[in-house]
Amino acid sequence: MNNGASFESRINARVTPDGAMDVLSQLEVTELCKASQGDIYELFRCCVLAVLNTGSHTDDSKRIMEEFKDFDVSVIQQERGIKLEITDAPANAFVDGKMIDGIRENIFAVLRDIVYVHNEIEIASRLGEKPAEHTTNAIFDILRNAKILKTHWEPNLVVCWGGHSISRGEYEYTKEVGHQLGLRGMDICTGCGPGAMKGPMKGATIGHAKQRIYDGRYIGITEPGIIAAESPNPIVNDLVIMPDIEKRLESFVRLAHGILAFPGGAGTAEEILYILGILLHPDNQEMPFPLILTGPKSAADYFETIHEFIGGTIGFSAQQKYKIIIDDPILVAREIARGIDEVRAFRREHSDAYYFNWLLKVARDFQEPFEPSHENMASLSLSRNQKPHDLASNLRRAFSGIVAGNVKADGIQSIEEYGPFEIRGDREIMEPLDALLNSFVAQNRMKLEGSTYAPCYRIIR
């Protein structure tokens, strides 16, 4: 139950949980109240506002916070658990004064992941001070606490990556691919935002309905720095907020039984480089991991540019780790299904869990949080004088910084104060990087407001 008093564009409400957080000990309630008022309050507030802005058509997190500067949320302790008191919330999150159920669920996912995880994982485990296996265990704990890990389910989870700023034709294509996946009983996991993160979920809902699948999963995995710019789309029924982008990326690859990459911009390039760096590690050479880049005919040149960039920087070995399929949703779904059969057989043979890929080697270099400061961006090692998976890791960081400068509040502020990031490296790396970024800008793939995009970076050759 929740009650709200309606205004023209703002609503005040008290909201109660319905699910995992409706049974808490008094100690847990006390700790949640204390933490939500402490040093992570502003982070908690921003993420709740992002969820309430589900369906928003802007990716400017700074503008969202300015528009709702009077928005507030607090945790209220009561005998039977907790409530959230919300002030000046966006009216589109309510129907006749009552909060939409899906939004309510995701708000309490924010409380669970931002506040509870902060207490139980960030403080108790001191993630940044421990080796790679401890970080992976912490990721496992976060996903388990969110009830994402389904021990009795056969492999069927397809992670779909792609841009939030895509054309209508590309969006329709992602829906049709999702439809074909849904018809084959596949569940969908994305970054939870709009565009290519929403389309596969929307298509899969129709496929699932046709096959009378009533427990289809539409998992959205985000992180605090990006959620305000990419609010969860309305189809997400399992939302997880990881502590940072690196743990978000590792969550994707640990959960995935196969990955599809649709057209996108800097964020999609970051994701592709991340998985390529993982798969190029010598310890992962024999592991089956279906990875398909796909889009409509209009995206053929886009994928050719991506393919040339990968070959011109990381090399031919990286190009062998994926397939490119253009304008054929049925073939995409069949290839993913075939690849997942190989994953199932491999994990059965090696006694690995279906629900979490423990055998995948994720080096510490891929787990260390990268702070996209001007100094760190300028000092990235972008040369051929390193192993392919190390170069992929450093290129991933470059794109991570560009994403921060494009849509994250801290990154936008840093660019406003100090100017564009400078990215330096060998000419043979910088030239293909510059060509790829220029193609993203020309195709309006950097931001939703693509026509007015001002680059947050400068390539130094």
Protein backbone atom coordinates (compact mmCIF):
# COMPACT_ATOMS: atom_id res chain seq x y z
CA MET A 1 0.00 0.00 0.00
CA ASN A 2 1.16 3.54 -0.69
CA ASN A 3 -0.63 6.86 -0.65
CA GLY A 4 0.23 9.99 -2.59
CA ALA A 5 -1.01 13.56 -2.89
CA SER A 6 -0.98 14.63 -6.52
CA PHE A 7 0.34 17.95 -7.79
CA GLU A 8 0.78 19.16 -11.38
CA SER A 9 4.11 17.41 -11.97
CA ARG A 10 5.28 16.33 -8.49
CA ILE A 11 3.93 13.84 -5.95
CA ASN A 12 4.70 13.13 -2.30
CA ALA A 13 4.31 9.53 -1.13
CA ARG A 14 5.10 6.94 1.50
CA VAL A 15 6.01 3.61 -0.05
CA THR A 16 6.33 0.15 1.51
CA PRO A 17 8.35 -2.77 0.09
CA ASP A 18 6.79 -5.85 -1.42
CA GLY A 19 9.26 -8.70 -1.65
CA ALA A 20 12.77 -9.37 -0.36
CA MET A 21 12.96 -6.34 1.94
CA ASP A 22 9.59 -6.65 3.63
CA VAL A 23 11.05 -8.96 6.35
CA LEU A 24 14.01 -7.36 8.11
CA SER A 25 15.50 -7.62 11.58
CA GLN A 26 15.48 -4.53 13.80
CA LEU A 27 19.27 -4.38 13.48
CA GLU A 28 19.03 -4.40 9.68
CA VAL A 29 16.38 -1.66 9.74
CA THR A 30 18.50 0.48 12.06
CA GLU A 31 21.58 0.08 9.87
CA LEU A 32 19.62 0.91 6.72
CA CYS A 33 18.27 4.10 8.30
CA LYS A 34 21.71 5.17 9.51
CA ALA A 35 23.44 4.48 6.20
CA SER A 36 20.76 6.16 4.09
CA GLN A 37 21.36 9.38 6.05
CA GLY A 38 25.15 9.13 5.95
CA ASP A 39 27.85 9.64 3.37
CA ILE A 40 26.01 7.66 0.69
CA TYR A 41 22.76 9.60 1.02
CA GLU A 42 23.28 11.69 -2.12
CA LEU A 43 24.11 8.57 -4.13
CA PHE A 44 20.98 6.86 -2.81
CA ARG A 45 18.87 9.94 -3.61
CA CYS A 46 20.21 10.19 -7.18
CA CYS A 47 19.57 6.52 -7.92
CA VAL A 48 16.01 6.62 -6.54
CA LEU A 49 15.29 9.69 -8.66
CA ALA A 50 16.66 7.86 -11.71
CA VAL A 51 14.24 4.97 -11.14
CA LEU A 52 11.34 7.39 -10.69
CA ASN A 53 12.32 8.90 -14.05
CA THR A 54 11.78 5.60 -15.86
CA GLY A 55 10.87 6.43 -19.46
CA SER A 56 12.73 9.75 -19.42
CA HIS A 57 13.98 10.95 -22.81
CA THR A 58 17.15 12.65 -21.64
CA ASP A 59 20.60 11.26 -20.84
CA ASP A 60 21.88 14.39 -19.09
CA SER A 61 22.14 13.37 -15.44
CA LYS A 62 23.13 16.89 -14.38
CA ARG A 63 19.99 18.35 -15.94
CA ILE A 64 17.80 15.75 -14.23
CA MET A 65 19.22 16.65 -10.82
CA GLU A 66 18.75 20.36 -11.47
CA GLU A 67 15.15 19.87 -12.61
CA PHE A 68 14.29 17.90 -9.45
CA LYS A 69 16.52 19.79 -7.00
CA ASP A 70 13.82 19.63 -4.29
CA PHE A 71 13.38 15.86 -4.59
CA ASP A 72 14.04 14.01 -1.34
CA VAL A 73 13.82 10.43 -0.06
CA SER A 74 14.27 9.08 3.46
CA VAL A 75 14.05 5.70 5.15
CA ILE A 76 11.47 5.56 7.93
CA GLN A 77 11.79 2.91 10.64
CA GLN A 78 8.65 1.18 11.87
CA GLU A 79 7.88 -1.89 13.95
CA ARG A 80 7.23 -4.09 10.93
CA GLY A 81 10.20 -2.91 8.86
CA ILE A 82 10.68 0.21 6.78
CA LYS A 83 8.97 2.71 4.52
CA LEU A 84 10.38 5.26 2.12
CA GLU A 85 9.13 8.82 2.38
CA ILE A 86 9.41 10.54 -1.00
CA THR A 87 8.98 14.26 -1.63
CA ASP A 88 8.56 16.07 -4.97
CA ALA A 89 8.78 12.90 -7.06
CA PRO A 90 8.08 12.90 -10.83
CA ALA A 91 4.34 12.42 -11.39
CA ASN A 92 4.91 9.97 -14.27
CA ALA A 93 5.95 7.35 -11.68
CA PHE A 94 2.37 7.27 -10.33
CA VAL A 95 -1.10 6.36 -11.56
CA ASP A 96 -3.95 8.10 -9.76
CA GLY A 97 -1.62 8.92 -6.87
CA LYS A 98 -0.29 5.36 -6.48
CA MET A 99 3.24 4.42 -7.46
CA ILE A 100 3.54 1.99 -10.37
CA ASP A 101 4.41 -1.45 -8.99
CA GLY A 102 7.43 -2.01 -11.24
CA ILE A 103 8.92 1.33 -10.21
CA ARG A 104 8.27 0.56 -6.56
CA GLU A 105 10.11 -2.77 -6.89
CA ASN A 106 13.07 -1.05 -8.50
CA ILE A 107 13.21 1.66 -5.84
CA PHE A 108 13.64 -0.98 -3.18
CA ALA A 109 16.27 -2.63 -5.37
CA VAL A 110 18.12 0.68 -5.09
CA LEU A 111 17.81 0.55 -1.31
CA ARG A 112 19.00 -3.05 -1.31
CA ASP A 113 22.00 -2.47 -3.56
CA ILE A 114 23.12 1.02 -2.59
CA VAL A 115 22.56 0.93 1.17
CA TYR A 116 22.50 -2.74 2.13
CA VAL A 117 25.36 -3.72 -0.16
CA HIS A 118 27.35 -0.69 1.01
CA ASN A 119 27.09 -2.00 4.58
CA GLU A 120 27.54 -5.70 3.94
CA ILE A 121 29.99 -5.73 1.04
CA GLU A 122 31.81 -2.42 0.66
CA ILE A 123 32.61 -1.90 4.33
CA ALA A 124 32.80 -5.45 5.71
CA SER A 125 34.75 -6.96 2.82
CA ARG A 126 36.84 -3.91 1.75
CA LEU A 127 36.55 -4.91 -1.92
CA GLY A 128 39.34 -2.76 -3.29
CA GLU A 129 41.96 -4.21 -0.97
CA LYS A 130 41.55 -7.88 -1.88
CA PRO A 131 42.64 -10.06 -4.79
CA ALA A 132 40.60 -10.96 -7.84
CA GLU A 133 38.83 -14.00 -6.41
CA HIS A 134 37.50 -11.94 -3.50
CA THR A 135 36.04 -9.35 -5.85
CA THR A 136 34.36 -12.13 -7.83
CA ASN A 137 32.98 -13.58 -4.60
CA ALA A 138 31.62 -10.17 -3.65
CA ILE A 139 29.92 -9.88 -7.05
CA PHE A 140 28.42 -13.31 -6.47
CA ASP A 141 27.14 -12.19 -3.06
CA ILE A 142 25.50 -9.07 -4.52
CA LEU A 143 23.77 -11.08 -7.26
CA ARG A 144 22.70 -13.77 -4.81
CA ASN A 145 21.31 -11.16 -2.42
CA ALA A 146 19.33 -9.73 -5.35
CA LYS A 147 17.96 -13.23 -6.06
CA ILE A 148 19.36 -13.20 -9.60
CA LEU A 149 21.07 -16.59 -9.36
CA LYS A 150 18.63 -19.38 -10.26
CA THR A 151 20.22 -22.71 -9.41
CA HIS A 152 17.56 -24.89 -11.03
CA TRP A 153 17.37 -23.14 -14.42
CA GLU A 154 18.99 -24.41 -17.58
CA PRO A 155 21.36 -22.02 -19.41
CA ASN A 156 19.19 -19.50 -21.28
CA LEU A 157 20.37 -15.99 -20.34
CA VAL A 158 21.41 -13.75 -23.24
CA VAL A 159 23.13 -10.49 -22.39
CA CYS A 160 22.31 -7.78 -24.93
CA TRP A 161 24.53 -4.72 -25.26
CA GLY A 162 23.97 -1.68 -27.44
CA GLY A 163 23.45 2.05 -27.46
CA HIS A 164 20.77 4.14 -25.79
CA SER A 165 20.97 6.52 -28.77
CA ILE A 166 20.02 4.43 -31.82
CA SER A 167 17.81 4.96 -34.86
CA ARG A 168 14.22 3.78 -35.02
CA GLY A 169 15.16 1.08 -37.55
CA GLU A 170 17.91 -0.24 -35.27
CA TYR A 171 15.52 -0.23 -32.32
CA GLU A 172 12.93 -2.24 -34.26
CA TYR A 173 15.65 -4.71 -35.19
CA THR A 174 16.60 -5.23 -31.53
CA LYS A 175 12.93 -5.93 -30.78
CA GLU A 176 12.72 -8.58 -33.50
CA VAL A 177 15.90 -10.27 -32.28
CA GLY A 178 14.43 -10.25 -28.77
CA HIS A 179 11.22 -11.73 -30.16
CA GLN A 180 13.16 -14.60 -31.74
CA LEU A 181 15.08 -15.18 -28.52
CA GLY A 182 11.83 -15.19 -26.52
CA LEU A 183 10.29 -17.75 -28.88
CA ARG A 184 13.24 -20.01 -28.05
CA GLY A 185 12.80 -19.60 -24.30
CA MET A 186 15.71 -17.21 -23.79
CA ASP A 187 15.76 -14.65 -20.99
CA ILE A 188 17.27 -11.20 -21.49
CA CYS A 189 19.80 -9.19 -19.51
CA THR A 190 20.81 -5.65 -20.54
CA GLY A 191 22.18 -2.44 -19.07
CA CYS A 192 18.51 -1.68 -18.26
CA GLY A 193 18.23 1.65 -20.12
CA PRO A 194 16.46 2.73 -23.35
CA GLY A 195 17.31 1.96 -26.99
CA ALA A 196 19.14 -1.33 -27.54
CA MET A 197 18.77 -2.11 -23.84
CA LYS A 198 14.98 -1.93 -24.01
CA GLY A 199 14.24 -3.35 -27.49
CA PRO A 200 15.34 -6.98 -26.86
CA MET A 201 13.32 -7.08 -23.65
CA LYS A 202 10.22 -5.72 -25.36
CA GLY A 203 10.52 -8.25 -28.17
CA ALA A 204 11.14 -11.11 -25.75
CA THR A 205 7.93 -10.33 -23.85
CA ILE A 206 5.95 -11.11 -27.02
CA GLY A 207 7.94 -14.29 -27.70
CA HIS A 208 7.45 -15.43 -24.13
CA ALA A 209 3.72 -14.69 -24.28
CA LYS A 210 3.34 -16.75 -27.47
CA GLN A 211 5.13 -19.68 -25.83
CA ARG A 212 3.12 -19.23 -22.61
CA ILE A 213 6.28 -18.52 -20.62
CA TYR A 214 5.07 -16.66 -17.54
CA ASP A 215 8.32 -16.39 -15.59
CA GLY A 216 10.48 -14.70 -18.21
CA ARG A 217 13.32 -12.67 -16.76
CA TYR A 218 14.32 -9.20 -17.91
CA ILE A 219 17.39 -8.37 -15.85
CA GLY A 220 18.83 -4.87 -15.80
CA ILE A 221 22.35 -4.33 -14.44
CA THR A 222 23.55 -0.78 -13.93
CA GLU A 223 25.85 1.22 -11.66
CA PRO A 224 25.44 4.48 -9.72
CA GLY A 225 27.34 6.69 -12.14
CA ILE A 226 25.24 5.72 -15.16
CA ILE A 227 21.73 5.08 -13.82
CA ALA A 228 20.67 8.74 -13.80
CA ALA A 229 21.58 9.06 -17.48
CA GLU A 230 20.05 5.70 -18.40
CA SER A 231 17.02 5.23 -16.15
CA PRO A 232 15.68 1.65 -16.03
CA ASN A 233 13.21 0.91 -18.80
CA PRO A 234 9.72 -0.21 -17.69
CA ILE A 235 10.21 -3.86 -18.71
CA VAL A 236 13.03 -4.62 -16.26
CA ASN A 237 11.71 -6.99 -13.59
CA ASP A 238 15.04 -7.64 -11.84
CA LEU A 239 17.20 -4.57 -11.26
CA VAL A 240 20.72 -4.76 -9.83
CA ILE A 241 22.95 -1.76 -9.13
CA MET A 242 26.59 -2.80 -8.93
CA PRO A 243 29.09 -0.60 -7.06
CA ASP A 244 31.04 0.45 -10.18
CA ILE A 245 31.36 -0.11 -13.93
CA GLU A 246 33.98 -2.85 -13.58
CA LYS A 247 31.79 -4.97 -11.31
CA ARG A 248 28.86 -4.29 -13.61
CA LEU A 249 30.83 -5.63 -16.57
CA GLU A 250 32.02 -8.68 -14.66
CA SER A 251 28.43 -9.37 -13.59
CA PHE A 252 27.38 -9.44 -17.24
CA VAL A 253 30.02 -11.96 -18.27
CA ARG A 254 29.62 -14.17 -15.17
CA LEU A 255 25.85 -14.40 -15.72
CA ALA A 256 25.78 -14.61 -19.52
CA HIS A 257 25.40 -17.81 -21.49
CA GLY A 258 25.82 -15.75 -24.65
CA ILE A 259 26.24 -12.07 -25.57
CA LEU A 260 24.76 -10.00 -28.40
CA ALA A 261 26.09 -6.54 -29.24
CA PHE A 262 23.80 -4.22 -31.19
CA PRO A 263 24.85 -0.84 -32.64
CA GLY A 264 25.90 1.69 -30.03
CA GLY A 265 28.48 4.28 -29.15
CA ALA A 266 31.33 4.60 -26.67
CA GLY A 267 29.59 2.49 -24.00
CA THR A 268 29.02 -0.39 -26.39
CA ALA A 269 32.63 -0.20 -27.59
CA GLU A 270 33.72 -0.36 -23.95
CA GLU A 271 31.64 -3.51 -23.41
CA ILE A 272 32.94 -5.20 -26.56
CA LEU A 273 36.56 -4.43 -25.65
CA TYR A 274 35.97 -5.75 -22.14
CA ILE A 275 34.68 -9.14 -23.26
CA LEU A 276 37.35 -9.42 -25.96
CA GLY A 277 40.05 -8.74 -23.38
CA ILE A 278 38.58 -11.46 -21.15
CA LEU A 279 38.30 -14.01 -23.96
CA LEU A 280 41.85 -13.27 -25.18
CA HIS A 281 43.35 -14.16 -21.82
CA PRO A 282 45.31 -17.44 -22.21
CA ASP A 283 43.33 -19.10 -19.40
CA ASN A 284 40.07 -18.61 -21.35
CA GLN A 285 41.19 -19.79 -24.78
CA GLU A 286 39.28 -23.08 -24.68
CA MET A 287 36.08 -21.78 -23.11
CA PRO A 288 33.02 -21.56 -25.40
CA PHE A 289 31.42 -18.13 -25.19
CA PRO A 290 29.06 -17.13 -28.01
CA LEU A 291 29.51 -13.46 -28.95
CA ILE A 292 27.59 -11.99 -31.89
CA LEU A 293 27.60 -8.44 -33.26
CA THR A 294 24.36 -7.78 -35.10
CA GLY A 295 22.14 -5.08 -36.57
CA PRO A 296 19.95 -4.25 -39.58
CA LYS A 297 21.33 -3.53 -43.07
CA SER A 298 21.67 0.12 -42.17
CA ALA A 299 24.22 -0.85 -39.50
CA ALA A 300 26.49 -2.84 -41.83
CA ASP A 301 28.98 0.03 -42.18
CA TYR A 302 28.94 0.56 -38.43
CA PHE A 303 30.00 -3.02 -37.75
CA GLU A 304 32.57 -2.91 -40.53
CA THR A 305 34.14 0.10 -38.80
CA ILE A 306 34.13 -1.72 -35.45
CA HIS A 307 35.65 -4.81 -37.08
CA GLU A 308 38.40 -2.76 -38.74
CA PHE A 309 39.14 -0.96 -35.48
CA ILE A 310 39.52 -4.22 -33.58
CA GLY A 311 41.75 -5.70 -36.27
CA GLY A 312 43.82 -2.52 -36.54
CA THR A 313 44.43 -2.27 -32.80
CA ILE A 314 44.12 -5.58 -30.93
CA GLY A 315 44.63 -7.79 -33.97
CA PHE A 316 43.27 -10.74 -35.92
CA SER A 317 43.05 -13.01 -32.87
CA ALA A 318 40.43 -10.69 -31.37
CA GLN A 319 38.37 -10.74 -34.57
CA GLN A 320 38.10 -14.52 -34.28
CA LYS A 321 36.23 -14.24 -30.97
CA TYR A 322 32.95 -13.01 -32.47
CA LYS A 323 30.61 -13.35 -35.43
CA ILE A 324 28.95 -10.52 -37.30
CA ILE A 325 25.41 -11.23 -38.53
CA ILE A 326 23.60 -8.53 -40.46
CA ASP A 327 19.81 -8.27 -40.82
CA ASP A 328 18.89 -11.84 -39.85
CA PRO A 329 17.20 -12.09 -36.40
CA ILE A 330 16.33 -15.77 -36.85
CA LEU A 331 19.93 -16.72 -37.61
CA VAL A 332 21.11 -14.67 -34.63
CA ALA A 333 18.74 -16.54 -32.30
CA ARG A 334 19.71 -19.93 -33.75
CA GLU A 335 23.43 -19.19 -33.46
CA ILE A 336 23.05 -18.06 -29.86
CA ALA A 337 21.01 -21.17 -29.05
CA ARG A 338 23.67 -23.38 -30.65
CA GLY A 339 26.40 -21.58 -28.72
CA ILE A 340 24.52 -21.97 -25.45
CA ASP A 341 24.30 -25.73 -26.09
CA GLU A 342 28.11 -25.72 -26.21
CA VAL A 343 28.26 -23.69 -23.01
CA ARG A 344 25.93 -26.17 -21.29
CA ALA A 345 28.07 -29.15 -22.35
CA PHE A 346 31.32 -27.43 -21.30
CA ARG A 347 30.03 -26.51 -17.86
CA ARG A 348 28.60 -29.96 -17.30
CA GLU A 349 31.92 -31.52 -18.29
CA HIS A 350 33.88 -29.21 -15.97
CA SER A 351 31.31 -29.25 -13.12
CA ASP A 352 30.80 -25.50 -13.29
CA ALA A 353 27.56 -23.81 -12.28
CA TYR A 354 25.04 -22.92 -14.98
CA TYR A 355 23.99 -19.75 -13.13
CA PHE A 356 27.46 -18.19 -12.56
CA ASN A 357 30.58 -18.68 -14.66
CA TRP A 358 33.19 -19.44 -11.99
CA LEU A 359 35.72 -20.88 -14.46
CA LEU A 360 36.06 -17.66 -16.46
CA LYS A 361 39.37 -15.95 -15.69
CA VAL A 362 38.92 -12.23 -15.02
CA ALA A 363 42.32 -10.71 -14.32
CA ARG A 364 42.72 -8.11 -11.59
CA ASP A 365 43.49 -5.50 -14.25
CA PHE A 366 39.89 -5.85 -15.47
CA GLN A 367 38.49 -5.45 -11.96
CA GLU A 368 40.32 -2.38 -10.69
CA PRO A 369 37.96 0.63 -10.79
CA PHE A 370 39.23 3.21 -13.28
CA GLU A 371 38.77 6.84 -12.30
CA PRO A 372 38.44 8.81 -15.56
CA SER A 373 40.38 11.89 -14.44
CA HIS A 374 42.26 14.05 -16.91
CA GLU A 375 45.55 12.70 -15.55
CA ASN A 376 44.50 9.05 -15.80
CA MET A 377 43.07 9.44 -19.29
CA ALA A 378 46.26 11.11 -20.54
CA SER A 379 48.50 8.41 -19.03
CA LEU A 380 46.74 5.35 -20.49
CA SER A 381 49.12 2.87 -22.13
CA LEU A 382 47.85 2.71 -25.72
CA SER A 383 50.57 1.00 -27.70
CA ARG A 384 51.18 -2.33 -29.39
CA ASN A 385 54.03 -3.05 -26.96
CA GLN A 386 51.82 -5.20 -24.73
CA LYS A 387 49.75 -8.35 -24.84
CA PRO A 388 46.46 -8.16 -26.78
CA HIS A 389 44.30 -8.62 -23.68
CA ASP A 390 46.20 -5.85 -21.88
CA LEU A 391 45.73 -3.47 -24.83
CA ALA A 392 42.02 -4.34 -24.86
CA SER A 393 41.87 -3.48 -21.16
CA ASN A 394 43.48 -0.06 -21.68
CA LEU A 395 41.31 0.74 -24.70
CA ARG A 396 38.30 -0.20 -22.58
CA ARG A 397 39.38 2.40 -20.02
CA ALA A 398 39.63 5.06 -22.75
CA PHE A 399 36.03 4.42 -23.79
CA SER A 400 34.95 4.30 -20.14
CA GLY A 401 36.32 7.82 -19.72
CA ILE A 402 34.46 9.02 -22.80
CA VAL A 403 31.22 7.58 -21.42
CA ALA A 404 31.86 9.44 -18.16
CA GLY A 405 32.46 12.69 -20.02
CA ASN A 406 29.31 12.18 -22.08
CA VAL A 407 26.69 11.23 -19.50
CA LYS A 408 27.98 10.91 -15.92
CA ALA A 409 27.51 13.92 -13.67
CA ASP A 410 31.07 13.89 -12.31
CA GLY A 411 32.54 13.45 -15.77
CA ILE A 412 30.44 16.25 -17.27
CA GLN A 413 31.49 18.59 -14.47
CA SER A 414 35.15 17.68 -14.93
CA ILE A 415 34.96 18.45 -18.66
CA GLU A 416 33.25 21.77 -17.95
CA GLU A 417 36.01 22.76 -15.51
CA TYR A 418 39.14 21.48 -17.26
CA GLY A 419 38.20 20.93 -20.89
CA PRO A 420 38.24 17.72 -22.94
CA PHE A 421 40.17 14.63 -21.88
CA GLU A 422 43.41 14.14 -23.80
CA ILE A 423 43.97 10.59 -25.06
CA ARG A 424 47.55 9.80 -26.08
CA GLY A 425 49.18 6.79 -27.67
CA ASP A 426 50.99 5.33 -30.67
CA ARG A 427 49.87 6.67 -34.01
CA GLU A 428 48.92 3.17 -35.21
CA ILE A 429 46.46 2.98 -32.29
CA MET A 430 45.31 6.60 -32.30
CA GLU A 431 44.39 6.76 -36.00
CA PRO A 432 41.86 3.89 -35.93
CA LEU A 433 40.58 5.14 -32.55
CA ASP A 434 40.04 8.62 -33.97
CA ALA A 435 38.28 7.19 -37.05
CA LEU A 436 35.95 5.09 -34.90
CA LEU A 437 35.05 7.98 -32.59
CA ASN A 438 34.46 10.31 -35.53
CA SER A 439 32.07 7.74 -37.01
CA PHE A 440 30.16 7.63 -33.69
CA VAL A 441 29.83 11.42 -33.69
CA ALA A 442 28.75 11.55 -37.36
CA GLN A 443 26.09 8.90 -36.72
CA ASN A 444 24.75 10.64 -33.56
CA ARG A 445 25.73 7.70 -31.36
CA MET A 446 27.35 9.58 -28.49
CA LYS A 447 24.26 11.06 -26.80
CA LEU A 448 20.52 11.30 -27.27
CA GLU A 449 21.06 14.96 -28.10
CA GLY A 450 23.52 13.84 -30.76
CA SER A 451 23.16 16.80 -33.14
CA THR A 452 24.59 19.16 -30.51
CA TYR A 453 27.32 16.85 -29.26
CA ALA A 454 30.63 18.49 -28.31
CA PRO A 455 33.42 15.90 -27.93
CA CYS A 456 34.59 15.39 -24.35
CA TYR A 457 37.96 14.12 -25.60
CA ARG A 458 40.87 15.13 -27.78
CA ILE A 459 43.02 12.57 -29.62
CA ILE A 460 46.75 13.34 -29.35
CA ARG A 461 48.89 11.49 -31.90
